[in-house]
């Protein structure tokens, strides 16, 4: 007797076994229908054979004989005529796509589907009503990118979505976007539980930006589920504007530090703008990075937080130890970084691999000597790869602009010749005199450096 092989709960039969089973119920597979209203649950050869196999296995040959008699009369038995235990056995082994197809039938009888289906169908049905009306049956099974941004998704909706994901919805999903909604810590907990079960093994991008109610509690729950091999393929994590604060960022960093090689090992882009992160949070993150966390991180956006020179010193030490070797874009706009913090960062080799550095709207321009600090950094050649520098909204004075112009002038013109890779620079020269502006403009022109209005991360 030929045996069967079970793969992911599905049965694959040998050729001789298939023929034997088909002969049992009739020569043409289209004859055997378990009808539910106007829809047959066995429209394909695969599902047809599964139904046949389970009916035979439980020893209900009498029902098959009755089905054949009805077939000869040109009719089919309905599901109501099938014993409940047989229906339960069959429906518990149906593919998700077949189960979703059953939801299209108006006269579907749940009492004949068994407890397993009774639990699955209501959960899946919730994804077919607002605010998920944009989804179809096919989307729930086959979609690889799901964008649910700005759809007023709250706690109840997140629970419905998370429950559906837990029972097999979106098995191929690579990108999940839930930005600009009303997700709170409870909704984040439900999603975290689903992710923690490994429900989305292929997920590459998770976007929760601007769900302001997630907070530190929600971030703690999400971080607790990011263990080894969970979200293993994640490359982009967008957590802008969810108000995690130092407490939430410390929780995230502690998880990274506990298993630096197994937590988010493929992450390349991390967005953490507008999160009230201060020196304690960035210090914990720097500590995790110094232990080898996030080895492939390429873009870090930490703008609009509360990081001061103390946090910059910790971050500088972490990068100086060889951490984050692939980090090339660093955004620190609108923090509390002063001249001391910038000078400490630029004076080390920590930023040697950066190609874009944005320090827009900090406290740099409050103190004198910005241009001289940049000149020293350039003279040490600590920024050999830097191509874009944004210092806008940090008002410079004449001396600062003069030092900066001399730093970027070619050697043949008496300058330092540093900043060999610099292509774009943005500064605030609103408080400078015309002669200083002209000097700086001439230095930029001689090097082919272009002025930009802003740098937008992509």
Protein backbone atom coordinates (compact mmCIF):
# COMPACT_ATOMS: atom_id res chain seq x y z
CA UNK A 1 0.00 0.00 0.00
CA UNK A 2 1.33 3.38 -0.95
CA UNK A 3 1.85 5.79 1.89
CA UNK A 4 1.13 9.51 2.01
CA UNK A 5 3.45 12.35 2.86
CA UNK A 6 2.29 15.23 5.05
CA UNK A 7 3.77 18.65 4.30
CA UNK A 8 2.54 21.62 6.37
CA UNK A 9 -0.64 19.71 7.21
CA UNK A 10 -1.44 19.01 3.52
CA UNK A 11 -1.47 15.55 1.95
CA UNK A 12 0.44 14.66 -1.19
CA UNK A 13 -0.48 11.30 -2.71
CA UNK A 14 1.38 9.02 -5.08
CA UNK A 15 -0.03 8.48 -8.58
CA UNK A 16 -1.39 4.98 -7.91
CA UNK A 17 -2.96 6.15 -4.66
CA UNK A 18 -4.67 9.03 -6.48
CA UNK A 19 -6.14 6.71 -9.08
CA UNK A 20 -7.38 4.28 -6.46
CA UNK A 21 -9.15 7.02 -4.53
CA UNK A 22 -10.69 8.49 -7.66
CA UNK A 23 -12.09 5.11 -8.65
CA UNK A 24 -13.68 4.84 -5.22
CA UNK A 25 -15.91 7.86 -5.75
CA UNK A 26 -16.25 7.88 -9.50
CA UNK A 27 -14.22 8.18 -12.67
CA UNK A 28 -14.66 11.92 -12.98
CA UNK A 29 -13.63 14.06 -10.06
CA UNK A 30 -16.14 16.77 -10.93
CA UNK A 31 -18.94 14.41 -9.98
CA UNK A 32 -18.14 14.49 -6.28
CA UNK A 33 -19.30 17.76 -4.76
CA UNK A 34 -19.95 18.66 -1.16
CA UNK A 35 -22.18 21.58 -1.95
CA UNK A 36 -22.70 24.57 0.28
CA UNK A 37 -25.46 26.57 -1.29
CA UNK A 38 -24.12 27.14 -4.80
CA UNK A 39 -20.44 26.67 -4.02
CA UNK A 40 -18.53 23.39 -3.89
CA UNK A 41 -15.80 23.10 -1.30
CA UNK A 42 -13.83 20.84 -3.63
CA UNK A 43 -13.37 22.89 -6.83
CA UNK A 44 -9.76 21.81 -7.27
CA UNK A 45 -8.19 18.39 -7.53
CA UNK A 46 -6.12 18.97 -4.40
CA UNK A 47 -9.03 19.86 -2.11
CA UNK A 48 -11.21 17.19 -3.69
CA UNK A 49 -8.69 14.49 -2.81
CA UNK A 50 -8.27 15.79 0.72
CA UNK A 51 -12.03 15.60 1.29
CA UNK A 52 -12.18 12.11 -0.21
CA UNK A 53 -9.26 10.89 1.84
CA UNK A 54 -10.68 12.08 5.16
CA UNK A 55 -14.13 10.72 4.45
CA UNK A 56 -12.65 7.29 3.77
CA UNK A 57 -10.28 7.46 6.72
CA UNK A 58 -13.06 7.93 9.26
CA UNK A 59 -14.92 5.00 7.76
CA UNK A 60 -17.99 6.82 6.49
CA UNK A 61 -18.29 4.93 3.21
CA UNK A 62 -22.04 4.91 3.46
CA UNK A 63 -22.12 8.64 2.88
CA UNK A 64 -19.99 8.24 -0.24
CA UNK A 65 -22.34 5.61 -1.57
CA UNK A 66 -25.26 7.93 -1.03
CA UNK A 67 -23.33 10.65 -2.81
CA UNK A 68 -22.78 8.38 -5.80
CA UNK A 69 -26.50 7.52 -5.92
CA UNK A 70 -27.37 11.21 -5.89
CA UNK A 71 -24.79 11.79 -8.62
CA UNK A 72 -26.50 9.24 -10.86
CA UNK A 73 -29.75 11.12 -10.35
CA UNK A 74 -28.02 14.35 -11.41
CA UNK A 75 -28.13 15.94 -7.96
CA UNK A 76 -25.67 16.39 -5.09
CA UNK A 77 -25.95 16.01 -1.36
CA UNK A 78 -25.67 19.23 0.63
CA UNK A 79 -23.50 19.74 3.68
CA UNK A 80 -26.59 19.53 5.87
CA UNK A 81 -26.84 15.83 4.97
CA UNK A 82 -23.31 15.09 6.20
CA UNK A 83 -22.66 13.98 9.78
CA UNK A 84 -21.18 16.81 11.87
CA UNK A 85 -18.04 14.90 12.85
CA UNK A 86 -17.17 14.31 9.20
CA UNK A 87 -17.70 17.98 8.34
CA UNK A 88 -15.52 19.01 11.27
CA UNK A 89 -12.73 16.72 10.12
CA UNK A 90 -12.85 18.02 6.57
CA UNK A 91 -13.09 21.72 7.40
CA UNK A 92 -10.28 21.59 9.94
CA UNK A 93 -7.90 20.55 7.14
CA UNK A 94 -9.00 23.02 4.49
CA UNK A 95 -6.56 25.59 3.18
CA UNK A 96 -7.10 29.16 4.28
CA UNK A 97 -7.88 30.23 0.71
CA UNK A 98 -10.67 27.62 0.48
CA UNK A 99 -12.06 28.61 3.84
CA UNK A 100 -12.17 32.26 2.75
CA UNK A 101 -13.98 31.25 -0.42
CA UNK A 102 -16.72 29.73 1.71
CA UNK A 103 -17.43 33.13 3.23
CA UNK A 104 -18.86 34.24 -0.09
CA UNK A 105 -21.80 31.87 0.30
CA UNK A 106 -24.86 33.33 1.96
CA UNK A 107 -26.29 30.01 3.12
CA UNK A 108 -23.20 28.67 4.82
CA UNK A 109 -24.17 26.68 7.94
CA UNK A 110 -21.68 27.14 10.75
CA UNK A 111 -23.27 24.41 12.85
CA UNK A 112 -21.97 21.85 10.35
CA UNK A 113 -18.48 23.28 10.17
CA UNK A 114 -17.24 22.30 13.60
CA UNK A 115 -15.74 24.33 16.42
CA UNK A 116 -12.43 24.85 14.63
CA UNK A 117 -14.07 26.68 11.75
CA UNK A 118 -16.46 28.50 14.05
CA UNK A 119 -13.44 30.14 15.64
CA UNK A 120 -11.61 30.90 12.40
CA UNK A 121 -14.41 32.26 10.25
CA UNK A 122 -15.61 35.11 12.53
CA UNK A 123 -12.00 36.23 12.94
CA UNK A 124 -11.42 36.33 9.19
CA UNK A 125 -14.80 37.96 8.56
CA UNK A 126 -13.71 40.95 10.64
CA UNK A 127 -11.08 41.75 8.02
CA UNK A 128 -13.79 42.14 5.38
CA UNK A 129 -15.50 45.08 7.12
CA UNK A 130 -14.42 48.70 7.73
CA UNK A 131 -11.76 49.87 8.04
CA UNK A 132 -10.38 46.82 6.20
CA UNK A 133 -12.86 46.94 3.32
CA UNK A 134 -9.98 47.55 0.92
CA UNK A 135 -8.89 43.95 1.45
CA UNK A 136 -10.22 41.01 -0.52
CA UNK A 137 -10.15 37.27 0.04
CA UNK A 138 -7.19 36.99 -2.28
CA UNK A 139 -5.33 39.79 -0.48
CA UNK A 140 -5.58 38.03 2.86
CA UNK A 141 -3.89 34.97 1.41
CA UNK A 142 -1.57 36.23 -1.32
CA UNK A 143 -0.68 39.87 -0.64
CA UNK A 144 2.98 40.62 0.10
CA UNK A 145 2.51 44.35 0.86
CA UNK A 146 -0.30 45.63 3.03
CA UNK A 147 -0.70 49.40 3.42
CA UNK A 148 -3.25 50.40 6.07
CA UNK A 149 -1.97 53.93 6.72
CA UNK A 150 -4.35 56.61 7.96
CA UNK A 151 -7.42 54.36 8.22
CA UNK A 152 -8.53 55.21 11.77
CA UNK A 153 -7.42 51.80 13.05
CA UNK A 154 -7.87 51.56 16.80
CA UNK A 155 -7.59 48.92 19.50
CA UNK A 156 -10.49 46.68 18.37
CA UNK A 157 -9.30 46.73 14.77
CA UNK A 158 -5.75 45.86 15.79
CA UNK A 159 -7.01 42.91 17.83
CA UNK A 160 -8.97 41.66 14.81
CA UNK A 161 -5.98 42.08 12.51
CA UNK A 162 -3.61 40.42 14.97
CA UNK A 163 -5.96 37.48 15.57
CA UNK A 164 -6.28 36.93 11.84
CA UNK A 165 -2.51 37.03 11.43
CA UNK A 166 -2.17 34.50 14.23
CA UNK A 167 -4.39 31.95 12.44
CA UNK A 168 -2.62 32.28 9.10
CA UNK A 169 -3.73 35.47 7.35
CA UNK A 170 -1.09 37.24 5.24
CA UNK A 171 1.34 34.30 5.25
CA UNK A 172 3.49 35.87 2.51
CA UNK A 173 3.51 39.43 3.86
CA UNK A 174 6.75 41.38 3.46
CA UNK A 175 5.61 44.93 4.25
CA UNK A 176 3.07 45.99 6.87
CA UNK A 177 2.28 49.72 7.06
CA UNK A 178 0.08 50.97 9.91
CA UNK A 179 1.17 54.60 10.14
CA UNK A 180 -1.09 57.56 11.02
CA UNK A 181 -3.68 55.53 12.93
CA UNK A 182 -4.99 55.41 16.50
CA UNK A 183 -3.10 52.36 17.71
CA UNK A 184 -2.44 52.38 21.46
CA UNK A 185 -0.38 50.17 23.75
CA UNK A 186 -3.13 47.50 23.80
CA UNK A 187 -3.20 47.25 20.02
CA UNK A 188 0.59 47.10 19.94
CA UNK A 189 0.51 44.29 22.50
CA UNK A 190 -1.90 42.28 20.31
CA UNK A 191 0.32 42.77 17.26
CA UNK A 192 3.42 41.90 19.27
CA UNK A 193 1.83 38.64 20.43
CA UNK A 194 1.07 37.66 16.83
CA UNK A 195 4.59 38.53 15.71
CA UNK A 196 6.06 36.69 18.67
CA UNK A 197 4.44 33.47 17.45
CA UNK A 198 6.33 33.76 14.18
CA UNK A 199 3.14 34.53 12.23
CA UNK A 200 4.89 36.80 9.68
CA UNK A 201 8.21 35.06 8.99
CA UNK A 202 8.89 36.95 5.76
CA UNK A 203 8.20 40.47 7.08
CA UNK A 204 10.83 42.96 5.87
CA UNK A 205 9.25 46.32 6.71
CA UNK A 206 7.17 47.35 9.74
CA UNK A 207 5.79 50.90 9.90
CA UNK A 208 4.00 52.17 13.00
CA UNK A 209 4.83 55.87 12.59
CA UNK A 210 2.70 58.58 14.19
CA UNK A 211 0.59 56.34 16.37
CA UNK A 212 1.09 58.68 19.30
CA UNK A 213 -0.65 56.47 21.88
CA UNK A 214 1.78 53.54 21.65
CA UNK A 215 4.16 55.08 24.14
CA UNK A 216 6.76 53.39 26.32
CA UNK A 217 4.40 50.57 27.39
CA UNK A 218 3.60 49.58 23.83
CA UNK A 219 7.27 49.73 22.90
CA UNK A 220 8.16 47.51 25.83
CA UNK A 221 5.67 44.85 24.70
CA UNK A 222 6.88 45.05 21.10
CA UNK A 223 10.51 44.80 22.18
CA UNK A 224 9.80 41.79 24.39
CA UNK A 225 8.60 39.82 21.34
CA UNK A 226 11.64 40.58 19.20
CA UNK A 227 13.59 37.54 20.30
CA UNK A 228 15.82 35.29 18.25
CA UNK A 229 14.44 34.38 14.85
CA UNK A 230 11.40 36.64 15.33
CA UNK A 231 11.33 39.40 12.69
CA UNK A 232 14.56 37.86 11.44
CA UNK A 233 14.11 39.28 7.92
CA UNK A 234 13.14 42.80 9.02
CA UNK A 235 15.19 45.46 7.21
CA UNK A 236 13.13 48.62 7.88
CA UNK A 237 11.53 49.68 11.15
CA UNK A 238 9.63 52.98 11.18
CA UNK A 239 8.78 54.09 14.73
CA UNK A 240 8.58 57.84 14.15
CA UNK A 241 6.34 59.80 16.49
CA UNK A 242 5.10 57.04 18.80
CA UNK A 243 6.33 58.78 21.98
CA UNK A 244 8.40 55.95 23.43
CA UNK A 245 10.64 58.27 25.45
CA UNK A 246 13.78 57.15 27.23
CA UNK A 247 11.96 54.30 28.95
CA UNK A 248 10.75 52.74 25.71
CA UNK A 249 14.08 53.21 23.96
CA UNK A 250 15.92 51.65 26.88
CA UNK A 251 13.61 48.61 26.68
CA UNK A 252 14.30 48.32 22.97
CA UNK A 253 18.05 48.68 23.52
CA UNK A 254 18.11 46.12 26.34
CA UNK A 255 16.55 43.51 24.06
CA UNK A 256 19.15 44.29 21.42
CA UNK A 257 21.93 43.97 23.98
CA UNK A 258 20.63 40.67 25.41
CA UNK A 259 20.98 38.93 22.05
CA UNK A 260 22.89 41.23 19.67
CA UNK A 261 23.42 38.58 17.03
CA UNK A 262 19.87 37.23 16.92
CA UNK A 263 17.67 40.32 17.34
CA UNK A 264 16.97 42.22 14.12
CA UNK A 265 20.23 41.04 12.53
CA UNK A 266 19.27 42.33 9.05
CA UNK A 267 17.89 45.75 10.05
CA UNK A 268 19.19 48.51 7.77
CA UNK A 269 16.90 51.48 8.41
CA UNK A 270 15.72 52.67 11.83
CA UNK A 271 13.38 55.67 12.10
CA UNK A 272 12.96 57.16 15.59
CA UNK A 273 12.02 60.80 15.05
CA UNK A 274 9.80 62.69 17.50
CA UNK A 275 10.03 60.17 20.31
CA UNK A 276 11.16 62.27 23.30
CA UNK A 277 14.43 60.30 23.45
CA UNK A 278 17.07 61.84 25.68
CA UNK A 279 20.58 61.05 26.85
CA UNK A 280 19.57 57.95 28.85
CA UNK A 281 17.92 56.37 25.82
CA UNK A 282 20.76 57.09 23.39
CA UNK A 283 23.31 55.88 25.96
CA UNK A 284 21.52 52.51 26.28
CA UNK A 285 21.30 52.26 22.50
CA UNK A 286 25.01 53.05 22.16
CA UNK A 287 25.81 50.34 24.69
CA UNK A 288 23.82 47.78 22.71
CA UNK A 289 25.54 48.80 19.49
CA UNK A 290 28.98 48.52 21.10
CA UNK A 291 28.13 44.87 21.86
CA UNK A 292 27.50 44.13 18.20
CA UNK A 293 23.79 44.89 17.79
CA UNK A 294 22.41 45.98 14.41
CA UNK A 295 25.55 45.17 12.41
CA UNK A 296 23.94 46.08 9.07
CA UNK A 297 22.34 49.38 10.12
CA UNK A 298 22.77 51.90 7.31
CA UNK A 299 20.36 54.73 8.15
CA UNK A 300 19.58 56.06 11.64
CA UNK A 301 17.12 58.93 12.03
CA UNK A 302 17.02 60.35 15.56
CA UNK A 303 15.80 63.86 14.81
CA UNK A 304 13.38 65.92 16.93
CA UNK A 305 14.38 64.36 20.24
CA UNK A 306 16.20 65.60 23.37
CA UNK A 307 19.74 64.38 22.83
CA UNK A 308 22.45 66.66 24.24
CA UNK A 309 26.23 66.59 24.19
CA UNK A 310 26.25 63.87 26.90
CA UNK A 311 24.29 61.51 24.69
CA UNK A 312 26.52 62.41 21.73
CA UNK A 313 29.59 61.49 23.79
CA UNK A 314 28.14 58.01 24.49
CA UNK A 315 27.17 57.54 20.86
CA UNK A 316 30.62 58.69 19.80
CA UNK A 317 32.30 56.10 22.03
CA UNK A 318 30.09 53.32 20.64
CA UNK A 319 30.93 54.21 17.07
CA UNK A 320 34.57 54.60 17.97
CA UNK A 321 34.68 50.95 19.08
CA UNK A 322 33.86 49.87 15.54
CA UNK A 323 30.13 49.47 16.09
CA UNK A 324 27.65 50.15 13.30
CA UNK A 325 30.34 49.75 10.64
CA UNK A 326 27.89 50.33 7.77
CA UNK A 327 26.17 53.44 9.16
CA UNK A 328 26.31 56.06 6.42
CA UNK A 329 23.29 58.34 7.02
CA UNK A 330 22.84 59.93 10.46
CA UNK A 331 20.07 62.46 11.17
CA UNK A 332 20.17 64.35 14.49
CA UNK A 333 18.05 67.40 13.59
CA UNK A 334 16.44 69.56 16.26
CA UNK A 335 17.98 68.02 19.34
CA UNK A 336 19.94 69.81 22.06
CA UNK A 337 23.41 69.25 20.64
CA UNK A 338 25.71 72.21 21.24
CA UNK A 339 29.18 73.03 19.95
CA UNK A 340 30.80 70.78 22.55
CA UNK A 341 28.75 67.79 21.45
CA UNK A 342 29.45 68.42 17.78
CA UNK A 343 33.15 69.00 18.38
CA UNK A 344 33.45 65.76 20.41
CA UNK A 345 31.72 63.79 17.69
CA UNK A 346 33.68 65.27 14.80
CA UNK A 347 37.02 65.10 16.59
CA UNK A 348 37.00 61.29 16.75
CA UNK A 349 37.08 58.63 14.07
CA UNK A 350 33.49 57.66 14.87
CA UNK A 351 32.04 59.50 11.89
CA UNK A 352 34.69 58.44 9.38
CA UNK A 353 32.28 56.27 7.39
CA UNK A 354 29.36 58.72 7.28
CA UNK A 355 28.27 60.03 3.90
CA UNK A 356 25.42 62.19 5.22
CA UNK A 357 25.33 64.07 8.54
CA UNK A 358 22.40 66.31 9.43
CA UNK A 359 22.57 68.53 12.53
CA UNK A 360 19.89 70.99 11.53
CA UNK A 361 18.31 73.27 14.14
CA UNK A 362 20.37 72.34 17.19
CA UNK A 363 22.17 74.59 19.69
CA UNK A 364 25.35 74.74 17.67
CA UNK A 365 25.04 78.33 16.55
CA UNK A 366 24.50 79.65 20.07
CA UNK A 367 28.20 79.42 20.85
CA UNK A 368 31.10 80.87 18.92
CA UNK A 369 33.68 78.72 17.18
CA UNK A 370 31.58 76.46 14.97
CA UNK A 371 33.65 77.14 11.89
CA UNK A 372 36.91 76.62 13.80
CA UNK A 373 35.66 73.26 15.16
CA UNK A 374 34.72 72.15 11.67
CA UNK A 375 38.08 73.31 10.37
CA UNK A 376 39.87 71.22 13.01
CA UNK A 377 37.77 68.18 12.15
CA UNK A 378 38.51 68.60 8.47
CA UNK A 379 42.20 69.09 9.11
CA UNK A 380 42.26 65.75 10.96
CA UNK A 381 40.46 64.16 8.02
CA UNK A 382 37.90 62.58 10.32
CA UNK A 383 35.14 62.94 7.72
CA UNK A 384 36.75 61.55 4.56
CA UNK A 385 33.53 60.05 3.16
CA UNK A 386 31.10 62.83 4.02
CA UNK A 387 29.18 63.95 0.92
CA UNK A 388 26.31 65.91 2.50
CA UNK A 389 26.37 68.17 5.55
CA UNK A 390 23.33 70.02 6.90
CA UNK A 391 23.93 72.74 9.49
CA UNK A 392 20.90 74.87 8.66
CA UNK A 393 19.09 76.81 11.38
CA UNK A 394 22.33 77.04 13.36
CA UNK A 395 23.23 80.72 12.79
CA UNK A 396 26.91 81.21 11.97
CA UNK A 397 28.99 84.36 12.32
CA UNK A 398 31.62 85.87 10.05
CA UNK A 399 34.53 84.10 11.72
CA UNK A 400 32.79 80.73 11.54
CA UNK A 401 32.03 81.16 7.85
CA UNK A 402 35.59 82.30 7.13
CA UNK A 403 37.11 79.25 8.86
CA UNK A 404 34.71 76.94 7.06
CA UNK A 405 35.52 78.54 3.70
CA UNK A 406 39.25 78.13 4.32
CA UNK A 407 38.70 74.47 5.29
CA UNK A 408 37.05 73.52 2.03
CA UNK A 409 39.22 75.61 -0.31
CA UNK A 410 41.59 73.62 -2.54
CA UNK A 411 45.20 73.38 -1.42
CA UNK A 412 46.36 75.35 -4.48
CA UNK A 413 44.33 78.30 -3.23
CA UNK A 414 45.77 78.13 0.27
CA UNK A 415 43.01 76.01 1.79
CA UNK A 416 43.24 72.70 3.60
CA UNK A 417 41.89 70.63 0.71
CA UNK A 418 39.94 68.51 3.16
CA UNK A 419 36.38 67.36 2.68
CA UNK A 420 37.38 65.67 -0.54
CA UNK A 421 34.02 63.89 -0.86
CA UNK A 422 31.77 66.81 0.06
CA UNK A 423 29.18 67.57 -2.62
CA UNK A 424 26.39 69.41 -0.80
CA UNK A 425 26.33 71.68 2.23
CA UNK A 426 23.57 73.67 3.88
CA UNK A 427 24.34 76.39 6.41
CA UNK A 428 22.63 79.38 8.01
CA UNK A 429 24.55 82.53 7.09
CA UNK A 430 21.71 84.97 7.79
CA UNK A 431 23.80 86.77 10.44
CA UNK A 432 26.92 87.04 8.30
CA UNK A 433 28.15 90.01 6.28
CA UNK A 434 28.20 90.00 2.50
CA UNK A 435 31.99 89.65 2.28
CA UNK A 436 31.89 86.45 4.37
CA UNK A 437 29.08 85.04 2.26
CA UNK A 438 30.98 85.82 -0.92
CA UNK A 439 34.14 84.18 0.45
CA UNK A 440 32.26 81.02 1.35
CA UNK A 441 30.44 80.95 -1.97
CA UNK A 442 33.70 81.24 -3.86
CA UNK A 443 35.22 78.38 -1.85
CA UNK A 444 32.24 76.17 -2.60
CA UNK A 445 32.33 77.06 -6.30
CA UNK A 446 36.02 76.23 -6.58
CA UNK A 447 35.32 72.76 -5.14
CA UNK A 448 32.06 72.15 -7.00
CA UNK A 449 30.10 72.03 -3.75
CA UNK A 450 26.39 72.75 -4.14
CA UNK A 451 24.05 74.52 -1.71
CA UNK A 452 20.83 72.66 -0.94
CA UNK A 453 17.69 73.79 0.81
CA UNK A 454 17.12 70.52 2.68
CA UNK A 455 17.93 66.83 2.78
CA UNK A 456 14.95 64.49 2.83
CA UNK A 457 15.58 60.92 4.01
CA UNK A 458 14.22 58.20 1.75
